[in-house]
């Protein structure tokens, strides 16, 4: 079985119960999550062994996150402990039409943001793995993280690993111009790009008559082996339609559209990415789109950032023509 390594940040997530605003909350629901960790957990659920490179403070919040990494089944042997940093935090406030949900970050000075190239020996680390994944979120955290992400991708390619990158543009972390200038050089080391209909324009300024054409342009201009684009239609804050496409240079892969009732949409893109990487590892991108879409649809129904699932549940949904909503007994 192939083994996947991801690099990025795991944070504490604080959410007011129900649909309260942050300023009226008397308590918060506490969870952990982060794009690259979410992907690792999703792959583990599919039976793909995964490990996570990150940094955590050596204090109670850091130990809470470390315990969650272990509980999820993700290999934690590459987690770096720091005494001179803090745990990144973010707040999620859940909306309802016409008030959208919103995210507020409190992650400056986090343990991961203080990492630099000297903290990870990629040539040594990557020898145990077959695939490397990171994201635009990790690269945006600091200059050190940008260099680490770039070196990780370059070393992975040089070592013969396949690589993937979720563009994951976050306007609260950097500008479109900064993202484009910083991420474009990294793309020469990326085999498979995952992005959204919005992020590909904001970072790479690529447009087309439809998303199929945009995926083709990205492959042609930046040399990817494939580009997957997730497509979300907002019916309301609590109802969406979700699907995705992928272009591999010769074939366009499509899948059905899911109507989803939203319990928590955070992490749906990461769930898709886990499924798509599964297809990459199986050398079947059509399978990756189907599995990724099913995982994203399931993630919308589960509180928290992380999709906890098993392969049988995902495959049943991915291959079904209809979905039974009857209670399972």
Protein backbone atom coordinates (compact mmCIF):
# COMPACT_ATOMS: atom_id res chain seq x y z
CA UNK A 1 0.00 0.00 0.00
CA UNK A 2 1.29 3.45 -0.91
CA UNK A 3 1.92 5.93 1.92
CA UNK A 4 1.10 9.65 1.87
CA UNK A 5 2.79 12.54 3.68
CA UNK A 6 1.14 15.93 4.16
CA UNK A 7 2.60 19.20 5.46
CA UNK A 8 0.70 22.04 7.10
CA UNK A 9 -0.96 23.38 10.23
CA UNK A 10 -3.45 21.93 12.68
CA UNK A 11 -5.41 24.44 14.77
CA UNK A 12 -7.94 24.61 17.53
CA UNK A 13 -11.37 25.45 16.20
CA UNK A 14 -13.81 27.35 18.44
CA UNK A 15 -17.46 27.58 17.41
CA UNK A 16 -20.38 29.17 19.27
CA UNK A 17 -23.15 26.59 19.81
CA UNK A 18 -25.98 26.63 17.31
CA UNK A 19 -26.09 29.76 15.22
CA UNK A 20 -24.92 32.22 17.85
CA UNK A 21 -22.61 35.07 17.00
CA UNK A 22 -19.18 35.01 18.59
CA UNK A 23 -19.87 38.13 20.64
CA UNK A 24 -22.95 36.58 22.29
CA UNK A 25 -21.42 33.17 23.02
CA UNK A 26 -21.17 31.97 26.61
CA UNK A 27 -19.31 28.84 25.55
CA UNK A 28 -17.55 27.37 22.52
CA UNK A 29 -17.44 23.92 20.97
CA UNK A 30 -13.76 22.94 20.70
CA UNK A 31 -12.46 20.84 17.82
CA UNK A 32 -9.23 20.61 15.85
CA UNK A 33 -8.63 20.81 12.13
CA UNK A 34 -6.51 22.08 9.32
CA UNK A 35 -6.49 21.48 5.58
CA UNK A 36 -3.54 19.12 5.37
CA UNK A 37 -4.48 17.18 8.52
CA UNK A 38 -8.02 16.82 7.18
CA UNK A 39 -6.65 15.27 3.99
CA UNK A 40 -4.48 12.83 5.94
CA UNK A 41 -7.47 11.71 8.02
CA UNK A 42 -9.62 11.25 4.93
CA UNK A 43 -6.96 9.05 3.33
CA UNK A 44 -6.64 7.01 6.51
CA UNK A 45 -10.38 6.36 6.38
CA UNK A 46 -9.91 4.95 2.88
CA UNK A 47 -7.22 2.60 4.14
CA UNK A 48 -4.26 4.65 2.90
CA UNK A 49 -1.54 5.05 5.57
CA UNK A 50 -0.80 8.75 6.08
CA UNK A 51 1.58 10.89 8.11
CA UNK A 52 1.57 14.58 8.91
CA UNK A 53 4.45 17.04 9.20
CA UNK A 54 3.49 19.93 11.47
CA UNK A 55 4.61 21.76 14.60
CA UNK A 56 2.76 22.00 17.92
CA UNK A 57 3.49 23.94 21.09
CA UNK A 58 4.47 21.81 24.06
CA UNK A 59 1.52 22.91 26.19
CA UNK A 60 -2.03 21.66 26.91
CA UNK A 61 -3.62 22.95 23.64
CA UNK A 62 -0.76 21.40 21.69
CA UNK A 63 -1.20 18.11 23.51
CA UNK A 64 -4.93 18.18 22.78
CA UNK A 65 -4.15 18.45 19.06
CA UNK A 66 -1.48 15.76 19.30
CA UNK A 67 -3.98 13.41 20.91
CA UNK A 68 -6.44 14.04 18.06
CA UNK A 69 -3.77 13.24 15.47
CA UNK A 70 -3.11 9.91 17.19
CA UNK A 71 -6.82 9.17 17.63
CA UNK A 72 -7.43 9.74 13.93
CA UNK A 73 -4.92 7.06 12.95
CA UNK A 74 -2.54 9.52 11.28
CA UNK A 75 1.18 8.84 11.91
CA UNK A 76 2.48 11.55 14.28
CA UNK A 77 6.20 10.67 14.33
CA UNK A 78 7.10 13.77 12.28
CA UNK A 79 5.29 16.25 14.52
CA UNK A 80 7.74 18.89 15.80
CA UNK A 81 7.35 20.21 19.36
CA UNK A 82 8.26 23.83 20.15
CA UNK A 83 8.51 25.61 23.49
CA UNK A 84 8.59 29.11 21.98
CA UNK A 85 5.26 29.21 20.14
CA UNK A 86 1.52 29.01 20.52
CA UNK A 87 -1.35 27.01 19.11
CA UNK A 88 -3.12 28.56 16.13
CA UNK A 89 -6.83 29.17 16.69
CA UNK A 90 -9.71 29.93 14.42
CA UNK A 91 -13.35 30.72 15.06
CA UNK A 92 -16.28 29.53 12.96
CA UNK A 93 -19.58 31.37 13.24
CA UNK A 94 -22.42 29.46 11.57
CA UNK A 95 -24.93 31.50 9.62
CA UNK A 96 -28.33 30.98 8.07
CA UNK A 97 -29.78 32.80 5.08
CA UNK A 98 -29.33 35.69 4.58
CA UNK A 99 -26.38 35.75 7.05
CA UNK A 100 -23.40 33.75 5.76
CA UNK A 101 -21.10 31.73 7.96
CA UNK A 102 -17.73 33.34 8.66
CA UNK A 103 -14.25 32.39 9.78
CA UNK A 104 -11.90 34.49 11.94
CA UNK A 105 -8.24 33.52 12.29
CA UNK A 106 -6.03 33.95 15.36
CA UNK A 107 -2.93 32.12 14.17
CA UNK A 108 -0.10 34.71 14.12
CA UNK A 109 2.96 33.34 15.89
CA UNK A 110 1.72 29.75 15.76
CA UNK A 111 4.21 26.91 16.05
CA UNK A 112 4.00 26.04 12.35
CA UNK A 113 4.46 29.64 11.20
CA UNK A 114 7.80 29.75 13.04
CA UNK A 115 9.24 26.79 11.12
CA UNK A 116 11.96 27.22 8.52
CA UNK A 117 13.90 25.02 6.09
CA UNK A 118 16.36 23.93 8.79
CA UNK A 119 13.54 22.28 10.76
CA UNK A 120 12.73 19.53 8.26
CA UNK A 121 15.25 17.38 6.39
CA UNK A 122 13.05 16.52 3.42
CA UNK A 123 15.61 14.25 1.78
CA UNK A 124 15.64 12.11 4.91
CA UNK A 125 11.92 12.34 5.68
CA UNK A 126 10.52 11.57 2.23
CA UNK A 127 12.29 8.24 1.84
CA UNK A 128 9.42 6.39 3.52
CA UNK A 129 6.64 7.82 1.36
CA UNK A 130 5.09 7.56 -2.11
CA UNK A 131 3.09 10.80 -2.35
CA UNK A 132 3.49 14.32 -0.90
CA UNK A 133 0.70 16.86 -0.44
CA UNK A 134 0.55 20.44 0.78
CA UNK A 135 -1.53 23.57 0.19
CA UNK A 136 -1.61 27.29 -0.39
CA UNK A 137 -2.70 27.74 3.21
CA UNK A 138 0.53 26.25 4.51
CA UNK A 139 2.59 28.35 2.10
CA UNK A 140 0.81 31.55 3.18
CA UNK A 141 1.59 31.23 6.89
CA UNK A 142 5.11 32.67 6.78
CA UNK A 143 8.19 33.00 4.61
CA UNK A 144 9.63 29.97 6.38
CA UNK A 145 6.54 27.88 5.61
CA UNK A 146 6.60 28.99 1.97
CA UNK A 147 10.21 27.81 1.69
CA UNK A 148 9.43 24.56 3.48
CA UNK A 149 6.48 23.82 1.20
CA UNK A 150 8.53 24.60 -1.89
CA UNK A 151 11.47 22.49 -0.77
CA UNK A 152 9.16 19.63 0.20
CA UNK A 153 7.60 19.60 -3.26
CA UNK A 154 10.96 19.87 -5.02
CA UNK A 155 12.55 17.10 -2.95
CA UNK A 156 9.50 14.88 -3.39
CA UNK A 157 9.66 15.21 -7.16
CA UNK A 158 13.41 14.59 -7.18
CA UNK A 159 12.88 11.46 -5.08
CA UNK A 160 10.27 10.10 -7.50
CA UNK A 161 7.16 10.73 -5.39
CA UNK A 162 3.93 11.95 -6.94
CA UNK A 163 2.84 15.34 -5.62
CA UNK A 164 -0.40 17.28 -5.16
CA UNK A 165 -1.26 20.81 -4.14
CA UNK A 166 -4.57 22.34 -3.08
CA UNK A 167 -4.51 26.01 -4.10
CA UNK A 168 -6.69 26.96 -1.11
CA UNK A 169 -6.40 30.74 -1.47
CA UNK A 170 -7.21 32.61 1.76
CA UNK A 171 -7.65 36.36 1.41
CA UNK A 172 -7.21 36.80 5.17
CA UNK A 173 -3.65 35.44 4.88
CA UNK A 174 -2.26 37.21 1.79
CA UNK A 175 -3.19 39.18 -1.31
CA UNK A 176 -3.87 37.72 -4.73
CA UNK A 177 -0.67 39.30 -6.02
CA UNK A 178 1.40 37.81 -3.19
CA UNK A 179 -0.14 34.38 -3.73
CA UNK A 180 0.51 34.43 -7.47
CA UNK A 181 4.14 35.56 -7.10
CA UNK A 182 4.85 33.05 -4.33
CA UNK A 183 3.01 29.99 -5.62
CA UNK A 184 3.75 30.09 -9.35
CA UNK A 185 7.40 28.94 -8.92
CA UNK A 186 6.21 25.98 -6.81
CA UNK A 187 3.91 24.68 -9.53
CA UNK A 188 6.74 23.16 -11.56
CA UNK A 189 7.02 20.55 -8.79
CA UNK A 190 3.27 19.79 -8.62
CA UNK A 191 1.77 16.86 -10.53
CA UNK A 192 -1.86 17.26 -9.51
CA UNK A 193 -3.56 20.56 -8.67
CA UNK A 194 -6.86 20.82 -6.80
CA UNK A 195 -8.63 24.16 -6.90
CA UNK A 196 -12.01 25.88 -6.88
CA UNK A 197 -13.80 27.87 -9.55
CA UNK A 198 -12.91 31.06 -7.64
CA UNK A 199 -9.33 30.39 -6.53
CA UNK A 200 -7.97 29.57 -9.98
CA UNK A 201 -8.91 33.07 -11.14
CA UNK A 202 -7.77 34.88 -8.01
CA UNK A 203 -4.30 33.30 -8.04
CA UNK A 204 -3.52 32.38 -11.66
CA UNK A 205 -5.91 34.79 -13.47
CA UNK A 206 -7.06 31.99 -15.77
CA UNK A 207 -10.51 32.29 -17.31
CA UNK A 208 -12.40 30.36 -19.96
CA UNK A 209 -15.83 29.90 -21.47
CA UNK A 210 -16.41 27.08 -18.95
CA UNK A 211 -14.53 25.25 -16.22
CA UNK A 212 -13.53 22.47 -18.60
CA UNK A 213 -11.59 25.00 -20.65
CA UNK A 214 -9.99 26.52 -17.56
CA UNK A 215 -8.74 23.11 -16.43
CA UNK A 216 -7.24 22.57 -19.87
CA UNK A 217 -5.54 25.98 -19.79
CA UNK A 218 -4.01 25.30 -16.39
CA UNK A 219 -2.59 21.97 -17.56
CA UNK A 220 -1.19 23.57 -20.72
CA UNK A 221 0.27 26.66 -19.07
CA UNK A 222 1.70 25.14 -15.89
CA UNK A 223 2.41 21.57 -16.93
CA UNK A 224 0.32 19.63 -14.41
CA UNK A 225 -0.51 15.99 -14.95
CA UNK A 226 -4.05 16.81 -13.89
CA UNK A 227 -6.21 19.63 -12.58
CA UNK A 228 -9.32 18.96 -10.49
CA UNK A 229 -11.84 21.77 -9.98
CA UNK A 230 -14.52 21.55 -7.30
CA UNK A 231 -17.79 23.27 -8.15
CA UNK A 232 -20.20 24.52 -5.51
CA UNK A 233 -23.61 26.08 -6.16
CA UNK A 234 -25.02 27.96 -3.18
CA UNK A 235 -28.78 27.44 -3.06
CA UNK A 236 -28.84 28.86 0.46
CA UNK A 237 -26.49 28.91 3.44
CA UNK A 238 -27.78 25.47 4.42
CA UNK A 239 -28.31 23.92 0.97
CA UNK A 240 -25.70 23.52 -1.74
CA UNK A 241 -25.07 21.52 -4.87
CA UNK A 242 -21.61 20.00 -5.20
CA UNK A 243 -19.64 18.31 -7.95
CA UNK A 244 -16.17 18.35 -9.50
CA UNK A 245 -14.35 17.79 -12.78
CA UNK A 246 -10.77 16.83 -13.63
CA UNK A 247 -8.68 17.13 -16.79
CA UNK A 248 -5.58 14.98 -17.27
CA UNK A 249 -4.36 16.31 -20.60
CA UNK A 250 -6.43 13.94 -22.70
CA UNK A 251 -9.62 13.06 -20.83
CA UNK A 252 -12.19 15.11 -18.95
CA UNK A 253 -13.56 13.30 -15.90
CA UNK A 254 -17.02 14.23 -14.60
CA UNK A 255 -19.26 12.92 -11.87
CA UNK A 256 -22.81 13.32 -10.61
CA UNK A 257 -23.95 16.38 -8.67
CA UNK A 258 -24.87 16.01 -5.00
CA UNK A 259 -27.60 18.02 -3.32
CA UNK A 260 -26.29 18.50 0.21
CA UNK A 261 -27.93 19.69 3.41
CA UNK A 262 -25.23 21.48 5.33
CA UNK A 263 -24.42 20.65 8.91
CA UNK A 264 -20.86 21.99 8.50
CA UNK A 265 -19.25 22.80 5.15
CA UNK A 266 -15.74 23.47 6.50
CA UNK A 267 -13.38 20.76 5.27
CA UNK A 268 -15.47 19.59 2.31
CA UNK A 269 -12.74 20.57 -0.14
CA UNK A 270 -10.17 18.67 1.93
CA UNK A 271 -12.39 15.59 1.90
CA UNK A 272 -12.57 15.83 -1.89
CA UNK A 273 -8.79 16.18 -2.08
CA UNK A 274 -8.30 13.01 -0.02
CA UNK A 275 -10.53 11.09 -2.41
CA UNK A 276 -8.81 12.55 -5.44
CA UNK A 277 -5.36 11.61 -4.11
CA UNK A 278 -6.75 8.10 -3.62
CA UNK A 279 -7.52 8.04 -7.34
CA UNK A 280 -4.00 9.31 -8.11
CA UNK A 281 -2.51 6.49 -6.04
CA UNK A 282 -4.75 3.95 -7.80
CA UNK A 283 -3.82 5.42 -11.20
CA UNK A 284 -7.52 6.08 -11.85
CA UNK A 285 -8.48 9.77 -11.86
CA UNK A 286 -12.11 9.01 -12.76
CA UNK A 287 -12.26 6.99 -9.54
CA UNK A 288 -10.60 9.87 -7.72
CA UNK A 289 -13.31 12.30 -8.83
CA UNK A 290 -16.10 9.91 -7.82
CA UNK A 291 -14.59 9.08 -4.44
CA UNK A 292 -13.65 12.70 -3.77
CA UNK A 293 -17.15 13.92 -4.56
CA UNK A 294 -18.73 11.30 -2.31
CA UNK A 295 -16.38 12.23 0.53
CA UNK A 296 -17.12 15.94 0.11
CA UNK A 297 -20.86 15.25 0.13
CA UNK A 298 -20.54 13.23 3.32
CA UNK A 299 -18.38 15.89 4.98
CA UNK A 300 -21.17 18.47 4.66
CA UNK A 301 -23.26 16.33 7.02
CA UNK A 302 -20.70 16.07 9.85
CA UNK A 303 -19.71 18.72 12.44
CA UNK A 304 -16.06 19.75 12.52
CA UNK A 305 -13.34 20.04 9.91
CA UNK A 306 -12.60 16.35 9.58
CA UNK A 307 -14.46 13.64 7.70
CA UNK A 308 -14.39 10.46 9.75
CA UNK A 309 -15.61 7.70 7.48
CA UNK A 310 -14.75 4.25 6.20
CA UNK A 311 -14.07 3.09 2.68
CA UNK A 312 -17.22 0.96 2.43
CA UNK A 313 -19.49 3.93 3.19
CA UNK A 314 -17.69 6.15 0.68
CA UNK A 315 -17.65 3.58 -2.11
CA UNK A 316 -21.32 2.75 -1.63
CA UNK A 317 -22.26 6.41 -2.04
CA UNK A 318 -19.84 6.97 -4.93
CA UNK A 319 -21.21 4.05 -6.93
CA UNK A 320 -24.92 4.40 -6.09
CA UNK A 321 -27.46 5.80 -8.50
CA UNK A 322 -29.74 6.93 -5.71
CA UNK A 323 -29.25 7.66 -2.02
CA UNK A 324 -31.50 6.04 0.59
CA UNK A 325 -32.40 8.37 3.44
CA UNK A 326 -34.07 5.63 5.50
CA UNK A 327 -32.60 5.06 8.94
CA UNK A 328 -29.98 2.30 9.04
CA UNK A 329 -30.70 -0.26 11.76
